Amino acid sequence: MADRLASTGYNRAVTAEELHRAARQMMFSDVLDIVAAVLAVLAVLRLTRMQHEKALRGPAPSAA
């Protein structure tokens, strides 16, 4: 969403100040994308570690 807004601002920019503002918005959008990607990787790594630990514990005891 932020990248779309920044892209629209860039496409509509006429003056140097508008281009500068649009470029800052695009950089902010890129930083948000990077943060989201890092958080996604951390979540996947945590889930993978949890699954691995559960697999090492072996099958759950069955209820009699």
PDB file of N, CA and C in Angstrom:
ATOM      1  N   MET A   1       0.825  -1.185   0.000  1.00  0.00           N
ATOM      2  CA  MET A   1       0.000   0.000   0.000  1.00  0.00           C
ATOM      3  C   MET A   1       0.879   1.261   0.000  1.00  0.00           C
ATOM      4  N   ALA A   2       1.862   1.273   0.865  1.00  0.00           N
ATOM      5  CA  ALA A   2       2.736   2.447   0.941  1.00  0.00           C
ATOM      6  C   ALA A   2       3.515   2.626  -0.357  1.00  0.00           C
ATOM      7  N   ASP A   3       3.918   1.506  -0.969  1.00  0.00           N
ATOM      8  CA  ASP A   3       4.665   1.626  -2.218  1.00  0.00           C
ATOM      9  C   ASP A   3       3.790   2.160  -3.346  1.00  0.00           C
ATOM     10  N   ARG A   4       2.521   1.808  -3.333  1.00  0.00           N
ATOM     11  CA  ARG A   4       1.605   2.315  -4.360  1.00  0.00           C
ATOM     12  C   ARG A   4       1.414   3.820  -4.218  1.00  0.00           C
ATOM     13  N   LEU A   5       1.271   4.273  -2.964  1.00  0.00           N
ATOM     14  CA  LEU A   5       1.116   5.711  -2.732  1.00  0.00           C
ATOM     15  C   LEU A   5       2.373   6.474  -3.154  1.00  0.00           C
ATOM     16  N   ALA A   6       3.524   5.921  -2.817  1.00  0.00           N
ATOM     17  CA  ALA A   6       4.783   6.576  -3.188  1.00  0.00           C
ATOM     18  C   ALA A   6       4.954   6.599  -4.697  1.00  0.00           C
ATOM     19  N   SER A   7       4.586   5.501  -5.347  1.00  0.00           N
ATOM     20  CA  SER A   7       4.709   5.440  -6.802  1.00  0.00           C
ATOM     21  C   SER A   7       3.778   6.444  -7.473  1.00  0.00           C
ATOM     22  N   THR A   8       2.576   6.565  -6.951  1.00  0.00           N
ATOM     23  CA  THR A   8       1.633   7.540  -7.499  1.00  0.00           C
ATOM     24  C   THR A   8       2.173   8.956  -7.320  1.00  0.00           C
ATOM     25  N   GLY A   9       2.710   9.236  -6.132  1.00  0.00           N
ATOM     26  CA  GLY A   9       3.290  10.551  -5.895  1.00  0.00           C
ATOM     27  C   GLY A   9       4.450  10.842  -6.821  1.00  0.00           C
ATOM     28  N   TYR A  10       5.260   9.816  -7.088  1.00  0.00           N
ATOM     29  CA  TYR A  10       6.400   9.994  -7.988  1.00  0.00           C
ATOM     30  C   TYR A  10       5.935  10.270  -9.411  1.00  0.00           C
ATOM     31  N   ASN A  11       4.921   9.521  -9.855  1.00  0.00           N
ATOM     32  CA  ASN A  11       4.421   9.703 -11.225  1.00  0.00           C
ATOM     33  C   ASN A  11       3.769  11.069 -11.424  1.00  0.00           C
ATOM     34  N   ARG A  12       3.200  11.626 -10.369  1.00  0.00           N
ATOM     35  CA  ARG A  12       2.524  12.922 -10.472  1.00  0.00           C
ATOM     36  C   ARG A  12       3.459  14.102 -10.179  1.00  0.00           C
ATOM     37  N   ALA A  13       4.652  13.819  -9.709  1.00  0.00           N
ATOM     38  CA  ALA A  13       5.575  14.893  -9.320  1.00  0.00           C
ATOM     39  C   ALA A  13       6.005  15.702 -10.535  1.00  0.00           C
ATOM     40  N   VAL A  14       6.061  17.005 -10.318  1.00  0.00           N
ATOM     41  CA  VAL A  14       6.473  17.915 -11.389  1.00  0.00           C
ATOM     42  C   VAL A  14       7.726  18.683 -10.968  1.00  0.00           C
ATOM     43  N   THR A  15       7.720  19.168  -9.739  1.00  0.00           N
ATOM     44  CA  THR A  15       8.842  19.977  -9.269  1.00  0.00           C
ATOM     45  C   THR A  15       9.889  19.093  -8.598  1.00  0.00           C
ATOM     46  N   ALA A  16      11.052  19.667  -8.398  1.00  0.00           N
ATOM     47  CA  ALA A  16      12.135  18.947  -7.730  1.00  0.00           C
ATOM     48  C   ALA A  16      11.741  18.582  -6.296  1.00  0.00           C
ATOM     49  N   GLU A  17      11.039  19.473  -5.614  1.00  0.00           N
ATOM     50  CA  GLU A  17      10.601  19.208  -4.240  1.00  0.00           C
ATOM     51  C   GLU A  17       9.626  18.032  -4.194  1.00  0.00           C
ATOM     52  N   GLU A  18       8.718  17.973  -5.145  1.00  0.00           N
ATOM     53  CA  GLU A  18       7.769  16.856  -5.199  1.00  0.00           C
ATOM     54  C   GLU A  18       8.487  15.544  -5.486  1.00  0.00           C
ATOM     55  N   LEU A  19       9.478  15.588  -6.372  1.00  0.00           N
ATOM     56  CA  LEU A  19      10.271  14.390  -6.656  1.00  0.00           C
ATOM     57  C   LEU A  19      11.045  13.944  -5.410  1.00  0.00           C
ATOM     58  N   HIS A  20      11.593  14.895  -4.697  1.00  0.00           N
ATOM     59  CA  HIS A  20      12.341  14.600  -3.486  1.00  0.00           C
ATOM     60  C   HIS A  20      11.428  13.958  -2.440  1.00  0.00           C
ATOM     61  N   ARG A  21      10.243  14.513  -2.257  1.00  0.00           N
ATOM     62  CA  ARG A  21       9.277  13.977  -1.295  1.00  0.00           C
ATOM     63  C   ARG A  21       8.864  12.558  -1.703  1.00  0.00           C
ATOM     64  N   ALA A  22       8.618  12.358  -2.988  1.00  0.00           N
ATOM     65  CA  ALA A  22       8.223  11.037  -3.476  1.00  0.00           C
ATOM     66  C   ALA A  22       9.347  10.023  -3.286  1.00  0.00           C
ATOM     67  N   ALA A  23      10.571  10.446  -3.500  1.00  0.00           N
ATOM     68  CA  ALA A  23      11.710   9.548  -3.302  1.00  0.00           C
ATOM     69  C   ALA A  23      11.835   9.151  -1.834  1.00  0.00           C
ATOM     70  N   ARG A  24      11.609  10.092  -0.920  1.00  0.00           N
ATOM     71  CA  ARG A  24      11.639   9.769   0.510  1.00  0.00           C
ATOM     72  C   ARG A  24      10.536   8.781   0.866  1.00  0.00           C
ATOM     73  N   GLN A  25       9.358   8.976   0.286  1.00  0.00           N
ATOM     74  CA  GLN A  25       8.253   8.056   0.540  1.00  0.00           C
ATOM     75  C   GLN A  25       8.579   6.656   0.023  1.00  0.00           C
ATOM     76  N   MET A  26       9.216   6.583  -1.121  1.00  0.00           N
ATOM     77  CA  MET A  26       9.599   5.282  -1.676  1.00  0.00           C
ATOM     78  C   MET A  26      10.644   4.600  -0.796  1.00  0.00           C
ATOM     79  N   MET A  27      11.586   5.371  -0.286  1.00  0.00           N
ATOM     80  CA  MET A  27      12.593   4.792   0.605  1.00  0.00           C
ATOM     81  C   MET A  27      11.934   4.289   1.888  1.00  0.00           C
ATOM     82  N   PHE A  28      10.992   5.038   2.430  1.00  0.00           N
ATOM     83  CA  PHE A  28      10.268   4.610   3.615  1.00  0.00           C
ATOM     84  C   PHE A  28       9.511   3.317   3.339  1.00  0.00           C
ATOM     85  N   SER A  29       8.882   3.240   2.185  1.00  0.00           N
ATOM     86  CA  SER A  29       8.163   2.034   1.790  1.00  0.00           C
ATOM     87  C   SER A  29       9.115   0.843   1.677  1.00  0.00           C
ATOM     88  N   ASP A  30      10.290   1.070   1.121  1.00  0.00           N
ATOM     89  CA  ASP A  30      11.279   0.003   1.005  1.00  0.00           C
ATOM     90  C   ASP A  30      11.742  -0.486   2.378  1.00  0.00           C
ATOM     91  N   VAL A  31      11.923   0.436   3.302  1.00  0.00           N
ATOM     92  CA  VAL A  31      12.319   0.052   4.662  1.00  0.00           C
ATOM     93  C   VAL A  31      11.227  -0.794   5.307  1.00  0.00           C
ATOM     94  N   LEU A  32       9.971  -0.416   5.114  1.00  0.00           N
ATOM     95  CA  LEU A  32       8.866  -1.215   5.645  1.00  0.00           C
ATOM     96  C   LEU A  32       8.878  -2.620   5.051  1.00  0.00           C
ATOM     97  N   ASP A  33       9.137  -2.726   3.757  1.00  0.00           N
ATOM     98  CA  ASP A  33       9.208  -4.039   3.107  1.00  0.00           C
ATOM     99  C   ASP A  33      10.340  -4.885   3.689  1.00  0.00           C
ATOM    100  N   ILE A  34      11.476  -4.266   3.934  1.00  0.00           N
ATOM    101  CA  ILE A  34      12.620  -4.992   4.489  1.00  0.00           C
ATOM    102  C   ILE A  34      12.309  -5.480   5.902  1.00  0.00           C
ATOM    103  N   VAL A  35      11.712  -4.619   6.708  1.00  0.00           N
ATOM    104  CA  VAL A  35      11.346  -5.010   8.083  1.00  0.00           C
ATOM    105  C   VAL A  35      10.354  -6.164   8.054  1.00  0.00           C
ATOM    106  N   ALA A  36       9.358  -6.083   7.182  1.00  0.00           N
ATOM    107  CA  ALA A  36       8.375  -7.161   7.069  1.00  0.00           C
ATOM    108  C   ALA A  36       9.039  -8.472   6.639  1.00  0.00           C
ATOM    109  N   ALA A  37       9.982  -8.399   5.720  1.00  0.00           N
ATOM    110  CA  ALA A  37      10.675  -9.601   5.262  1.00  0.00           C
ATOM    111  C   ALA A  37      11.505 -10.217   6.383  1.00  0.00           C
ATOM    112  N   VAL A  38      12.195  -9.393   7.146  1.00  0.00           N
ATOM    113  CA  VAL A  38      12.999  -9.898   8.261  1.00  0.00           C
ATOM    114  C   VAL A  38      12.103 -10.562   9.303  1.00  0.00           C
ATOM    115  N   LEU A  39      10.979  -9.935   9.627  1.00  0.00           N
ATOM    116  CA  LEU A  39      10.053 -10.524  10.590  1.00  0.00           C
ATOM    117  C   LEU A  39       9.487 -11.850  10.082  1.00  0.00           C
ATOM    118  N   ALA A  40       9.203 -11.934   8.786  1.00  0.00           N
ATOM    119  CA  ALA A  40       8.703 -13.180   8.211  1.00  0.00           C
ATOM    120  C   ALA A  40       9.756 -14.287   8.310  1.00  0.00           C
ATOM    121  N   VAL A  41      10.992 -13.959   8.020  1.00  0.00           N
ATOM    122  CA  VAL A  41      12.072 -14.950   8.124  1.00  0.00           C
ATOM    123  C   VAL A  41      12.221 -15.419   9.568  1.00  0.00           C
ATOM    124  N   LEU A  42      12.173 -14.492  10.511  1.00  0.00           N
ATOM    125  CA  LEU A  42      12.292 -14.867  11.925  1.00  0.00           C
ATOM    126  C   LEU A  42      11.135 -15.765  12.356  1.00  0.00           C
ATOM    127  N   ALA A  43       9.936 -15.490  11.890  1.00  0.00           N
ATOM    128  CA  ALA A  43       8.782 -16.326  12.236  1.00  0.00           C
ATOM    129  C   ALA A  43       8.948 -17.734  11.672  1.00  0.00           C
ATOM    130  N   VAL A  44       9.398 -17.829  10.425  1.00  0.00           N
ATOM    131  CA  VAL A  44       9.604 -19.143   9.817  1.00  0.00           C
ATOM    132  C   VAL A  44      10.690 -19.913  10.558  1.00  0.00           C
ATOM    133  N   LEU A  45      11.779 -19.250  10.906  1.00  0.00           N
ATOM    134  CA  LEU A  45      12.853 -19.920  11.640  1.00  0.00           C
ATOM    135  C   LEU A  45      12.369 -20.415  13.001  1.00  0.00           C
ATOM    136  N   ARG A  46      11.575 -19.621  13.687  1.00  0.00           N
ATOM    137  CA  ARG A  46      11.064 -20.024  14.998  1.00  0.00           C
ATOM    138  C   ARG A  46      10.125 -21.222  14.874  1.00  0.00           C
ATOM    139  N   LEU A  47       9.223 -21.175  13.902  1.00  0.00           N
ATOM    140  CA  LEU A  47       8.317 -22.302  13.703  1.00  0.00           C
ATOM    141  C   LEU A  47       9.072 -23.572  13.329  1.00  0.00           C
ATOM    142  N   THR A  48      10.074 -23.428  12.478  1.00  0.00           N
ATOM    143  CA  THR A  48      10.875 -24.579  12.075  1.00  0.00           C
ATOM    144  C   THR A  48      11.599 -25.175  13.275  1.00  0.00           C
ATOM    145  N   ARG A  49      12.159 -24.321  14.132  1.00  0.00           N
ATOM    146  CA  ARG A  49      12.847 -24.801  15.329  1.00  0.00           C
ATOM    147  C   ARG A  49      11.871 -25.522  16.255  1.00  0.00           C
ATOM    148  N   MET A  50      10.672 -24.965  16.422  1.00  0.00           N
ATOM    149  CA  MET A  50       9.673 -25.595  17.281  1.00  0.00           C
ATOM    150  C   MET A  50       9.260 -26.965  16.730  1.00  0.00           C
ATOM    151  N   GLN A  51       9.085 -27.065  15.418  1.00  0.00           N
ATOM    152  CA  GLN A  51       8.727 -28.341  14.803  1.00  0.00           C
ATOM    153  C   GLN A  51       9.852 -29.359  14.956  1.00  0.00           C
ATOM    154  N   HIS A  52      11.073 -28.903  14.810  1.00  0.00           N
ATOM    155  CA  HIS A  52      12.228 -29.791  14.952  1.00  0.00           C
ATOM    156  C   HIS A  52      12.313 -30.325  16.383  1.00  0.00           C
ATOM    157  N   GLU A  53      12.136 -29.454  17.367  1.00  0.00           N
ATOM    158  CA  GLU A  53      12.175 -29.886  18.761  1.00  0.00           C
ATOM    159  C   GLU A  53      11.070 -30.891  19.058  1.00  0.00           C
ATOM    160  N   LYS A  54       9.897 -30.668  18.503  1.00  0.00           N
ATOM    161  CA  LYS A  54       8.792 -31.595  18.712  1.00  0.00           C
ATOM    162  C   LYS A  54       9.090 -32.934  18.055  1.00  0.00           C
ATOM    163  N   ALA A  55       9.684 -32.919  16.871  1.00  0.00           N
ATOM    164  CA  ALA A  55      10.026 -34.166  16.192  1.00  0.00           C
ATOM    165  C   ALA A  55      11.069 -34.955  16.971  1.00  0.00           C
ATOM    166  N   LEU A  56      11.998 -34.265  17.619  1.00  0.00           N
ATOM    167  CA  LEU A  56      13.029 -34.955  18.387  1.00  0.00           C
ATOM    168  C   LEU A  56      12.461 -35.610  19.645  1.00  0.00           C
ATOM    169  N   ARG A  57      11.354 -35.076  20.174  1.00  0.00           N
ATOM    170  CA  ARG A  57      10.732 -35.670  21.352  1.00  0.00           C
ATOM    171  C   ARG A  57      10.056 -36.990  21.041  1.00  0.00           C
ATOM    172  N   GLY A  58       9.798 -37.267  19.798  1.00  0.00           N
ATOM    173  CA  GLY A  58       9.167 -38.520  19.398  1.00  0.00           C
ATOM    174  C   GLY A  58       7.660 -38.428  19.472  1.00  0.00           C
ATOM    175  N   PRO A  59       7.009 -39.564  19.204  1.00  0.00           N
ATOM    176  CA  PRO A  59       5.537 -39.562  19.201  1.00  0.00           C
ATOM    177  C   PRO A  59       4.974 -39.303  20.602  1.00  0.00           C
ATOM    178  N   ALA A  60       3.828 -38.663  20.624  1.00  0.00           N
ATOM    179  CA  ALA A  60       3.169 -38.373  21.896  1.00  0.00           C
ATOM    180  C   ALA A  60       2.599 -39.687  22.447  1.00  0.00           C
ATOM    181  N   PRO A  61       2.636 -39.831  23.772  1.00  0.00           N
ATOM    182  CA  PRO A  61       2.072 -41.060  24.347  1.00  0.00           C
ATOM    183  C   PRO A  61       0.567 -41.123  24.084  1.00  0.00           C
ATOM    184  N   SER A  62       0.099 -42.293  23.761  1.00  0.00           N
ATOM    185  CA  SER A  62      -1.321 -42.437  23.447  1.00  0.00           C
ATOM    186  C   SER A  62      -2.131 -42.555  24.733  1.00  0.00           C
ATOM    187  N   ALA A  63      -3.329 -42.024  24.693  1.00  0.00           N
ATOM    188  CA  ALA A  63      -4.220 -42.078  25.858  1.00  0.00           C
ATOM    189  C   ALA A  63      -4.848 -43.475  25.920  1.00  0.00           C
ATOM    190  N   ALA A  64      -4.824 -44.107  27.101  1.00  0.00           N
ATOM    191  CA  ALA A  64      -5.332 -45.463  27.225  1.00  0.00           C
ATOM    192  C   ALA A  64      -6.788 -45.497  27.549  1.00  0.00           C
TER     193      ALA A  64
END
